């Protein structure tokens, strides 16, 4: 009986659609906007002449989060003022 290693080293066919072959053919994804660019820098601490110096972090305008969160709720249909709920005080019967 052949071992598992002999099957793992077999080449895939040209038309193979397994997840490994698909990921090799897939284009490279774009960089996420959350990944810092060359202008952004993290905070750092270094010892210079026996004194610790701290360099604050810097985030460029492109990666700075907005001051307010985006609005997710939009008005689709405005039917006017809401109608107040008026409870019915008297029992009633349905007419047939």
PDB file of N, CA and C in Angstrom:
ATOM      1  N   UNK A   1       0.854  -1.174   0.000  1.00  0.00           N
ATOM      2  CA  UNK A   1       0.000   0.000   0.000  1.00  0.00           C
ATOM      3  C   UNK A   1       0.905   1.244   0.000  1.00  0.00           C
ATOM      4  N   UNK A   2       0.641   2.245  -0.887  1.00  0.00           N
ATOM      5  CA  UNK A   2       1.472   3.448  -0.960  1.00  0.00           C
ATOM      6  C   UNK A   2       1.259   4.315   0.276  1.00  0.00           C
ATOM      7  N   UNK A   3       2.301   5.034   0.616  1.00  0.00           N
ATOM      8  CA  UNK A   3       2.214   5.904   1.790  1.00  0.00           C
ATOM      9  C   UNK A   3       1.566   7.237   1.418  1.00  0.00           C
ATOM     10  N   UNK A   4       1.192   7.989   2.443  1.00  0.00           N
ATOM     11  CA  UNK A   4       0.543   9.286   2.234  1.00  0.00           C
ATOM     12  C   UNK A   4       1.498  10.277   1.581  1.00  0.00           C
ATOM     13  N   UNK A   5       2.786  10.201   1.891  1.00  0.00           N
ATOM     14  CA  UNK A   5       3.764  11.130   1.327  1.00  0.00           C
ATOM     15  C   UNK A   5       3.859  11.008  -0.187  1.00  0.00           C
ATOM     16  N   UNK A   6       3.660   9.812  -0.723  1.00  0.00           N
ATOM     17  CA  UNK A   6       3.745   9.667  -2.176  1.00  0.00           C
ATOM     18  C   UNK A   6       2.590  10.383  -2.876  1.00  0.00           C
ATOM     19  N   UNK A   7       1.428  10.484  -2.214  1.00  0.00           N
ATOM     20  CA  UNK A   7       0.293  11.212  -2.797  1.00  0.00           C
ATOM     21  C   UNK A   7       0.445  12.720  -2.640  1.00  0.00           C
ATOM     22  N   UNK A   8       1.043  13.172  -1.561  1.00  0.00           N
ATOM     23  CA  UNK A   8       1.149  14.603  -1.314  1.00  0.00           C
ATOM     24  C   UNK A   8       2.092  15.292  -2.290  1.00  0.00           C
ATOM     25  N   UNK A   9       3.020  14.589  -2.858  1.00  0.00           N
ATOM     26  CA  UNK A   9       4.007  15.203  -3.733  1.00  0.00           C
ATOM     27  C   UNK A   9       3.627  15.145  -5.211  1.00  0.00           C
ATOM     28  N   UNK A  10       2.454  14.617  -5.529  1.00  0.00           N
ATOM     29  CA  UNK A  10       2.022  14.548  -6.930  1.00  0.00           C
ATOM     30  C   UNK A  10       1.648  15.944  -7.420  1.00  0.00           C
ATOM     31  N   UNK A  11       2.027  16.313  -8.647  1.00  0.00           N
ATOM     32  CA  UNK A  11       1.654  17.644  -9.167  1.00  0.00           C
ATOM     33  C   UNK A  11       0.162  17.691  -9.492  1.00  0.00           C
ATOM     34  N   UNK A  12      -0.398  18.874  -9.391  1.00  0.00           N
ATOM     35  CA  UNK A  12      -1.811  19.072  -9.706  1.00  0.00           C
ATOM     36  C   UNK A  12      -1.973  19.253 -11.214  1.00  0.00           C
ATOM     37  N   UNK A  13      -3.135  18.903 -11.726  1.00  0.00           N
ATOM     38  CA  UNK A  13      -3.420  19.074 -13.151  1.00  0.00           C
ATOM     39  C   UNK A  13      -3.580  20.559 -13.467  1.00  0.00           C
ATOM     40  N   UNK A  14      -3.457  20.922 -14.742  1.00  0.00           N
ATOM     41  CA  UNK A  14      -3.599  22.319 -15.167  1.00  0.00           C
ATOM     42  C   UNK A  14      -4.996  22.862 -14.870  1.00  0.00           C
ATOM     43  N   UNK A  15      -6.005  22.011 -14.948  1.00  0.00           N
ATOM     44  CA  UNK A  15      -7.391  22.440 -14.749  1.00  0.00           C
ATOM     45  C   UNK A  15      -7.876  22.191 -13.333  1.00  0.00           C
ATOM     46  N   UNK A  16      -6.962  21.972 -12.396  1.00  0.00           N
ATOM     47  CA  UNK A  16      -7.335  21.678 -11.018  1.00  0.00           C
ATOM     48  C   UNK A  16      -7.978  22.910 -10.380  1.00  0.00           C
ATOM     49  N   UNK A  17      -9.105  22.716  -9.684  1.00  0.00           N
ATOM     50  CA  UNK A  17      -9.815  23.812  -9.035  1.00  0.00           C
ATOM     51  C   UNK A  17      -9.802  23.665  -7.511  1.00  0.00           C
ATOM     52  N   UNK A  18      -8.803  22.988  -6.987  1.00  0.00           N
ATOM     53  CA  UNK A  18      -8.738  22.865  -5.531  1.00  0.00           C
ATOM     54  C   UNK A  18      -8.379  24.228  -4.920  1.00  0.00           C
ATOM     55  N   UNK A  19      -8.512  24.353  -3.625  1.00  0.00           N
ATOM     56  CA  UNK A  19      -8.281  25.642  -2.965  1.00  0.00           C
ATOM     57  C   UNK A  19      -6.825  26.097  -3.083  1.00  0.00           C
ATOM     58  N   UNK A  20      -5.890  25.159  -3.114  1.00  0.00           N
ATOM     59  CA  UNK A  20      -4.477  25.524  -3.226  1.00  0.00           C
ATOM     60  C   UNK A  20      -4.198  26.118  -4.604  1.00  0.00           C
ATOM     61  N   UNK A  21      -4.663  25.445  -5.655  1.00  0.00           N
ATOM     62  CA  UNK A  21      -4.437  25.951  -7.019  1.00  0.00           C
ATOM     63  C   UNK A  21      -5.184  27.262  -7.250  1.00  0.00           C
ATOM     64  N   UNK A  22      -6.405  27.372  -6.695  1.00  0.00           N
ATOM     65  CA  UNK A  22      -7.178  28.596  -6.880  1.00  0.00           C
ATOM     66  C   UNK A  22      -6.461  29.775  -6.218  1.00  0.00           C
ATOM     67  N   UNK A  23      -5.925  29.576  -5.006  1.00  0.00           N
ATOM     68  CA  UNK A  23      -5.259  30.684  -4.320  1.00  0.00           C
ATOM     69  C   UNK A  23      -3.961  31.080  -5.026  1.00  0.00           C
ATOM     70  N   UNK A  24      -3.323  30.158  -5.701  1.00  0.00           N
ATOM     71  CA  UNK A  24      -2.118  30.509  -6.468  1.00  0.00           C
ATOM     72  C   UNK A  24      -2.466  31.344  -7.693  1.00  0.00           C
ATOM     73  N   UNK A  25      -3.635  31.084  -8.289  1.00  0.00           N
ATOM     74  CA  UNK A  25      -4.053  31.828  -9.485  1.00  0.00           C
ATOM     75  C   UNK A  25      -4.724  33.149  -9.145  1.00  0.00           C
ATOM     76  N   UNK A  26      -5.204  33.308  -7.920  1.00  0.00           N
ATOM     77  CA  UNK A  26      -5.937  34.517  -7.537  1.00  0.00           C
ATOM     78  C   UNK A  26      -5.001  35.718  -7.552  1.00  0.00           C
ATOM     79  N   UNK A  27      -5.506  36.899  -7.978  1.00  0.00           N
ATOM     80  CA  UNK A  27      -4.654  38.098  -7.974  1.00  0.00           C
ATOM     81  C   UNK A  27      -4.358  38.533  -6.548  1.00  0.00           C
ATOM     82  N   UNK A  28      -3.289  39.280  -6.391  1.00  0.00           N
ATOM     83  CA  UNK A  28      -2.909  39.793  -5.083  1.00  0.00           C
ATOM     84  C   UNK A  28      -3.957  40.804  -4.610  1.00  0.00           C
ATOM     85  N   UNK A  29      -4.421  40.702  -3.373  1.00  0.00           N
ATOM     86  CA  UNK A  29      -5.393  41.681  -2.884  1.00  0.00           C
ATOM     87  C   UNK A  29      -4.737  43.039  -2.672  1.00  0.00           C
ATOM     88  N   UNK A  30      -5.576  44.071  -2.741  1.00  0.00           N
ATOM     89  CA  UNK A  30      -5.072  45.423  -2.490  1.00  0.00           C
ATOM     90  C   UNK A  30      -4.726  45.559  -1.014  1.00  0.00           C
ATOM     91  N   UNK A  31      -3.817  46.482  -0.731  1.00  0.00           N
ATOM     92  CA  UNK A  31      -3.452  46.703   0.664  1.00  0.00           C
ATOM     93  C   UNK A  31      -4.628  47.294   1.419  1.00  0.00           C
ATOM     94  N   UNK A  32      -4.789  46.842   2.612  1.00  0.00           N
ATOM     95  CA  UNK A  32      -5.864  47.335   3.465  1.00  0.00           C
ATOM     96  C   UNK A  32      -5.568  48.785   3.868  1.00  0.00           C
ATOM     97  N   UNK A  33      -6.610  49.636   3.959  1.00  0.00           N
ATOM     98  CA  UNK A  33      -6.353  51.015   4.390  1.00  0.00           C
ATOM     99  C   UNK A  33      -5.872  51.098   5.832  1.00  0.00           C
ATOM    100  N   UNK A  34      -6.047  50.021   6.603  1.00  0.00           N
ATOM    101  CA  UNK A  34      -5.589  50.059   7.987  1.00  0.00           C
ATOM    102  C   UNK A  34      -4.093  49.790   8.109  1.00  0.00           C
ATOM    103  N   UNK A  35      -3.450  49.308   7.040  1.00  0.00           N
ATOM    104  CA  UNK A  35      -2.012  49.071   7.077  1.00  0.00           C
ATOM    105  C   UNK A  35      -1.305  50.411   6.934  1.00  0.00           C
ATOM    106  N   UNK A  36      -0.414  50.745   7.861  1.00  0.00           N
ATOM    107  CA  UNK A  36       0.250  52.050   7.779  1.00  0.00           C
ATOM    108  C   UNK A  36       1.106  52.186   6.515  1.00  0.00           C
ATOM    109  N   UNK A  37       1.228  53.398   6.041  1.00  0.00           N
ATOM    110  CA  UNK A  37       2.036  53.670   4.855  1.00  0.00           C
ATOM    111  C   UNK A  37       3.439  54.108   5.276  1.00  0.00           C
ATOM    112  N   UNK A  38       4.213  54.597   4.329  1.00  0.00           N
ATOM    113  CA  UNK A  38       5.582  55.028   4.612  1.00  0.00           C
ATOM    114  C   UNK A  38       5.625  56.290   5.485  1.00  0.00           C
ATOM    115  N   UNK A  39       4.577  57.113   5.439  1.00  0.00           N
ATOM    116  CA  UNK A  39       4.557  58.346   6.220  1.00  0.00           C
ATOM    117  C   UNK A  39       4.192  58.086   7.679  1.00  0.00           C
ATOM    118  N   UNK A  40       3.383  57.040   7.940  1.00  0.00           N
ATOM    119  CA  UNK A  40       2.987  56.719   9.308  1.00  0.00           C
ATOM    120  C   UNK A  40       4.160  56.070  10.038  1.00  0.00           C
ATOM    121  N   UNK A  41       4.259  56.339  11.332  1.00  0.00           N
ATOM    122  CA  UNK A  41       5.327  55.709  12.109  1.00  0.00           C
ATOM    123  C   UNK A  41       4.809  55.404  13.511  1.00  0.00           C
ATOM    124  N   UNK A  42       5.230  54.289  14.072  1.00  0.00           N
ATOM    125  CA  UNK A  42       4.802  53.957  15.436  1.00  0.00           C
ATOM    126  C   UNK A  42       5.606  54.745  16.456  1.00  0.00           C
ATOM    127  N   UNK A  43       5.127  54.752  17.674  1.00  0.00           N
ATOM    128  CA  UNK A  43       5.873  55.400  18.755  1.00  0.00           C
ATOM    129  C   UNK A  43       7.101  54.557  19.058  1.00  0.00           C
ATOM    130  N   UNK A  44       8.185  55.223  19.455  1.00  0.00           N
ATOM    131  CA  UNK A  44       9.409  54.485  19.768  1.00  0.00           C
ATOM    132  C   UNK A  44      10.124  55.168  20.920  1.00  0.00           C
ATOM    133  N   UNK A  45      10.940  54.362  21.592  1.00  0.00           N
ATOM    134  CA  UNK A  45      11.746  54.860  22.702  1.00  0.00           C
ATOM    135  C   UNK A  45      13.174  54.411  22.462  1.00  0.00           C
ATOM    136  N   UNK A  46      14.129  55.336  22.590  1.00  0.00           N
ATOM    137  CA  UNK A  46      15.535  55.015  22.378  1.00  0.00           C
ATOM    138  C   UNK A  46      16.377  55.699  23.448  1.00  0.00           C
ATOM    139  N   UNK A  47      17.475  55.076  23.773  1.00  0.00           N
ATOM    140  CA  UNK A  47      18.386  55.640  24.769  1.00  0.00           C
ATOM    141  C   UNK A  47      19.480  56.406  24.040  1.00  0.00           C
ATOM    142  N   UNK A  48      19.560  57.724  24.267  1.00  0.00           N
ATOM    143  CA  UNK A  48      20.541  58.590  23.627  1.00  0.00           C
ATOM    144  C   UNK A  48      21.373  59.240  24.719  1.00  0.00           C
ATOM    145  N   UNK A  49      22.662  58.971  24.730  1.00  0.00           N
ATOM    146  CA  UNK A  49      23.591  59.525  25.719  1.00  0.00           C
ATOM    147  C   UNK A  49      23.131  59.256  27.149  1.00  0.00           C
ATOM    148  N   UNK A  50      22.606  58.065  27.389  1.00  0.00           N
ATOM    149  CA  UNK A  50      22.171  57.683  28.726  1.00  0.00           C
ATOM    150  C   UNK A  50      20.817  58.226  29.118  1.00  0.00           C
ATOM    151  N   UNK A  51      20.154  58.928  28.217  1.00  0.00           N
ATOM    152  CA  UNK A  51      18.825  59.487  28.496  1.00  0.00           C
ATOM    153  C   UNK A  51      17.825  58.831  27.548  1.00  0.00           C
ATOM    154  N   UNK A  52      16.709  58.407  28.119  1.00  0.00           N
ATOM    155  CA  UNK A  52      15.662  57.810  27.286  1.00  0.00           C
ATOM    156  C   UNK A  52      14.900  58.916  26.574  1.00  0.00           C
ATOM    157  N   UNK A  53      14.764  58.782  25.247  1.00  0.00           N
ATOM    158  CA  UNK A  53      14.003  59.753  24.451  1.00  0.00           C
ATOM    159  C   UNK A  53      12.844  59.016  23.791  1.00  0.00           C
ATOM    160  N   UNK A  54      11.680  59.604  23.885  1.00  0.00           N
ATOM    161  CA  UNK A  54      10.481  59.018  23.285  1.00  0.00           C
ATOM    162  C   UNK A  54      10.096  59.801  22.041  1.00  0.00           C
ATOM    163  N   UNK A  55       9.799  59.093  20.979  1.00  0.00           N
ATOM    164  CA  UNK A  55       9.310  59.710  19.743  1.00  0.00           C
ATOM    165  C   UNK A  55       7.836  59.358  19.616  1.00  0.00           C
ATOM    166  N   UNK A  56       6.948  60.344  19.586  1.00  0.00           N
ATOM    167  CA  UNK A  56       5.520  60.024  19.504  1.00  0.00           C
ATOM    168  C   UNK A  56       5.161  59.422  18.152  1.00  0.00           C
ATOM    169  N   UNK A  57       4.082  58.697  18.147  1.00  0.00           N
ATOM    170  CA  UNK A  57       3.597  58.103  16.907  1.00  0.00           C
ATOM    171  C   UNK A  57       3.028  59.191  16.004  1.00  0.00           C
ATOM    172  N   UNK A  58       3.023  58.925  14.705  1.00  0.00           N
ATOM    173  CA  UNK A  58       2.458  59.853  13.734  1.00  0.00           C
ATOM    174  C   UNK A  58       1.614  59.051  12.752  1.00  0.00           C
ATOM    175  N   UNK A  59       0.413  59.519  12.501  1.00  0.00           N
ATOM    176  CA  UNK A  59      -0.480  58.887  11.541  1.00  0.00           C
ATOM    177  C   UNK A  59      -0.828  59.920  10.486  1.00  0.00           C
ATOM    178  N   UNK A  60      -0.647  59.577   9.206  1.00  0.00           N
ATOM    179  CA  UNK A  60      -0.934  60.519   8.118  1.00  0.00           C
ATOM    180  C   UNK A  60      -2.432  60.758   8.014  1.00  0.00           C
ATOM    181  N   UNK A  61      -2.824  61.750   7.236  1.00  0.00           N
ATOM    182  CA  UNK A  61      -4.236  62.120   7.094  1.00  0.00           C
ATOM    183  C   UNK A  61      -5.053  61.006   6.472  1.00  0.00           C
ATOM    184  N   UNK A  62      -4.433  60.210   5.610  1.00  0.00           N
ATOM    185  CA  UNK A  62      -5.159  59.127   4.946  1.00  0.00           C
ATOM    186  C   UNK A  62      -5.571  58.041   5.939  1.00  0.00           C
ATOM    187  N   UNK A  63      -4.748  57.783   6.939  1.00  0.00           N
ATOM    188  CA  UNK A  63      -5.024  56.717   7.892  1.00  0.00           C
ATOM    189  C   UNK A  63      -5.569  57.212   9.226  1.00  0.00           C
ATOM    190  N   UNK A  64      -5.766  58.507   9.369  1.00  0.00           N
ATOM    191  CA  UNK A  64      -6.364  59.039  10.584  1.00  0.00           C
ATOM    192  C   UNK A  64      -7.856  58.737  10.563  1.00  0.00           C
ATOM    193  N   UNK A  65      -8.404  58.133  11.614  1.00  0.00           N
ATOM    194  CA  UNK A  65      -9.837  57.837  11.609  1.00  0.00           C
ATOM    195  C   UNK A  65     -10.654  59.115  11.658  1.00  0.00           C
ATOM    196  N   UNK A  66     -11.853  59.101  11.097  1.00  0.00           N
ATOM    197  CA  UNK A  66     -12.688  60.305  11.120  1.00  0.00           C
ATOM    198  C   UNK A  66     -13.110  60.640  12.548  1.00  0.00           C
ATOM    199  N   UNK A  67     -13.447  61.908  12.768  1.00  0.00           N
ATOM    200  CA  UNK A  67     -13.844  62.345  14.109  1.00  0.00           C
ATOM    201  C   UNK A  67     -15.190  61.777  14.493  1.00  0.00           C
ATOM    202  N   UNK A  68     -16.054  61.530  13.517  1.00  0.00           N
ATOM    203  CA  UNK A  68     -17.381  60.978  13.781  1.00  0.00           C
ATOM    204  C   UNK A  68     -17.531  59.690  13.000  1.00  0.00           C
ATOM    205  N   UNK A  69     -18.247  58.724  13.533  1.00  0.00           N
ATOM    206  CA  UNK A  69     -18.460  57.487  12.780  1.00  0.00           C
ATOM    207  C   UNK A  69     -19.363  57.748  11.582  1.00  0.00           C
ATOM    208  N   UNK A  70     -19.281  56.921  10.541  1.00  0.00           N
ATOM    209  CA  UNK A  70     -20.141  57.122   9.381  1.00  0.00           C
ATOM    210  C   UNK A  70     -21.602  56.855   9.731  1.00  0.00           C
ATOM    211  N   UNK A  71     -22.482  57.530   9.047  1.00  0.00           N
ATOM    212  CA  UNK A  71     -23.904  57.329   9.280  1.00  0.00           C
ATOM    213  C   UNK A  71     -24.367  56.118   8.479  1.00  0.00           C
ATOM    214  N   UNK A  72     -24.882  55.144   9.191  1.00  0.00           N
ATOM    215  CA  UNK A  72     -25.359  53.935   8.531  1.00  0.00           C
ATOM    216  C   UNK A  72     -26.849  53.995   8.257  1.00  0.00           C
ATOM    217  N   UNK A  73     -27.564  54.804   9.030  1.00  0.00           N
ATOM    218  CA  UNK A  73     -29.011  54.844   8.879  1.00  0.00           C
ATOM    219  C   UNK A  73     -29.396  55.976   7.941  1.00  0.00           C
ATOM    220  N   UNK A  74     -30.137  55.653   6.928  1.00  0.00           N
ATOM    221  CA  UNK A  74     -30.632  56.639   5.968  1.00  0.00           C
ATOM    222  C   UNK A  74     -32.146  56.565   5.930  1.00  0.00           C
ATOM    223  N   UNK A  75     -32.784  57.693   5.664  1.00  0.00           N
ATOM    224  CA  UNK A  75     -34.230  57.712   5.539  1.00  0.00           C
ATOM    225  C   UNK A  75     -34.581  57.224   4.148  1.00  0.00           C
ATOM    226  N   UNK A  76     -35.336  56.139   4.080  1.00  0.00           N
ATOM    227  CA  UNK A  76     -35.735  55.589   2.790  1.00  0.00           C
ATOM    228  C   UNK A  76     -37.088  56.153   2.380  1.00  0.00           C
ATOM    229  N   UNK A  77     -38.062  56.152   3.317  1.00  0.00           N
ATOM    230  CA  UNK A  77     -39.378  56.685   3.021  1.00  0.00           C
ATOM    231  C   UNK A  77     -39.884  57.402   4.256  1.00  0.00           C
ATOM    232  N   UNK A  78     -40.172  58.683   4.124  1.00  0.00           N
ATOM    233  CA  UNK A  78     -40.691  59.458   5.241  1.00  0.00           C
ATOM    234  C   UNK A  78     -42.188  59.600   5.050  1.00  0.00           C
ATOM    235  N   UNK A  79     -42.966  58.924   5.894  1.00  0.00           N
ATOM    236  CA  UNK A  79     -44.425  58.949   5.748  1.00  0.00           C
ATOM    237  C   UNK A  79     -45.069  60.048   6.582  1.00  0.00           C
ATOM    238  N   UNK A  80     -44.278  60.935   7.158  1.00  0.00           N
ATOM    239  CA  UNK A  80     -44.830  62.031   7.938  1.00  0.00           C
ATOM    240  C   UNK A  80     -44.732  61.747   9.422  1.00  0.00           C
ATOM    241  N   UNK A  81     -45.528  62.486  10.194  1.00  0.00           N
ATOM    242  CA  UNK A  81     -45.512  62.321  11.644  1.00  0.00           C
ATOM    243  C   UNK A  81     -46.062  60.947  12.025  1.00  0.00           C
ATOM    244  N   UNK A  82     -45.561  60.364  13.100  1.00  0.00           N
ATOM    245  CA  UNK A  82     -46.081  59.068  13.524  1.00  0.00           C
ATOM    246  C   UNK A  82     -47.500  59.196  14.068  1.00  0.00           C
ATOM    247  N   UNK A  83     -48.295  58.170  13.877  1.00  0.00           N
ATOM    248  CA  UNK A  83     -49.667  58.149  14.373  1.00  0.00           C
ATOM    249  C   UNK A  83     -49.646  57.609  15.795  1.00  0.00           C
ATOM    250  N   UNK A  84     -50.235  58.333  16.728  1.00  0.00           N
ATOM    251  CA  UNK A  84     -50.218  57.845  18.102  1.00  0.00           C
ATOM    252  C   UNK A  84     -51.107  56.611  18.259  1.00  0.00           C
ATOM    253  N   UNK A  85     -50.722  55.740  19.192  1.00  0.00           N
ATOM    254  CA  UNK A  85     -51.507  54.539  19.478  1.00  0.00           C
ATOM    255  C   UNK A  85     -52.635  54.915  20.430  1.00  0.00           C
ATOM    256  N   UNK A  86     -53.865  54.610  20.045  1.00  0.00           N
ATOM    257  CA  UNK A  86     -55.035  54.888  20.879  1.00  0.00           C
ATOM    258  C   UNK A  86     -55.657  53.543  21.226  1.00  0.00           C
ATOM    259  N   UNK A  87     -55.617  53.142  22.492  1.00  0.00           N
ATOM    260  CA  UNK A  87     -56.213  51.852  22.844  1.00  0.00           C
ATOM    261  C   UNK A  87     -57.738  51.907  22.772  1.00  0.00           C
ATOM    262  N   UNK A  88     -58.339  50.791  22.402  1.00  0.00           N
ATOM    263  CA  UNK A  88     -59.801  50.706  22.322  1.00  0.00           C
ATOM    264  C   UNK A  88     -60.309  50.293  23.696  1.00  0.00           C
ATOM    265  N   UNK A  89     -61.226  51.105  24.226  1.00  0.00           N
ATOM    266  CA  UNK A  89     -61.716  50.867  25.584  1.00  0.00           C
ATOM    267  C   UNK A  89     -62.899  49.890  25.604  1.00  0.00           C
ATOM    268  N   UNK A  90     -63.724  49.868  24.536  1.00  0.00           N
ATOM    269  CA  UNK A  90     -64.913  49.039  24.522  1.00  0.00           C
ATOM    270  C   UNK A  90     -64.661  47.765  23.734  1.00  0.00           C
ATOM    271  N   UNK A  91     -65.092  46.608  24.189  1.00  0.00           N
ATOM    272  CA  UNK A  91     -64.975  45.403  23.380  1.00  0.00           C
ATOM    273  C   UNK A  91     -65.898  45.495  22.165  1.00  0.00           C
ATOM    274  N   UNK A  92     -65.572  44.858  21.102  1.00  0.00           N
ATOM    275  CA  UNK A  92     -66.392  44.914  19.901  1.00  0.00           C
ATOM    276  C   UNK A  92     -66.482  43.521  19.292  1.00  0.00           C
ATOM    277  N   UNK A  93     -67.480  43.331  18.424  1.00  0.00           N
ATOM    278  CA  UNK A  93     -67.674  42.050  17.737  1.00  0.00           C
ATOM    279  C   UNK A  93     -67.509  42.288  16.252  1.00  0.00           C
ATOM    280  N   UNK A  94     -66.929  41.308  15.584  1.00  0.00           N
ATOM    281  CA  UNK A  94     -66.776  41.395  14.145  1.00  0.00           C
ATOM    282  C   UNK A  94     -68.085  41.088  13.456  1.00  0.00           C
ATOM    283  N   UNK A  95     -68.408  41.843  12.431  1.00  0.00           N
ATOM    284  CA  UNK A  95     -69.622  41.598  11.667  1.00  0.00           C
ATOM    285  C   UNK A  95     -69.287  40.679  10.512  1.00  0.00           C
ATOM    286  N   UNK A  96     -70.187  39.730  10.230  1.00  0.00           N
ATOM    287  CA  UNK A  96     -69.915  38.806   9.139  1.00  0.00           C
ATOM    288  C   UNK A  96     -70.702  39.129   7.899  1.00  0.00           C
TER     289      UNK A  96
END
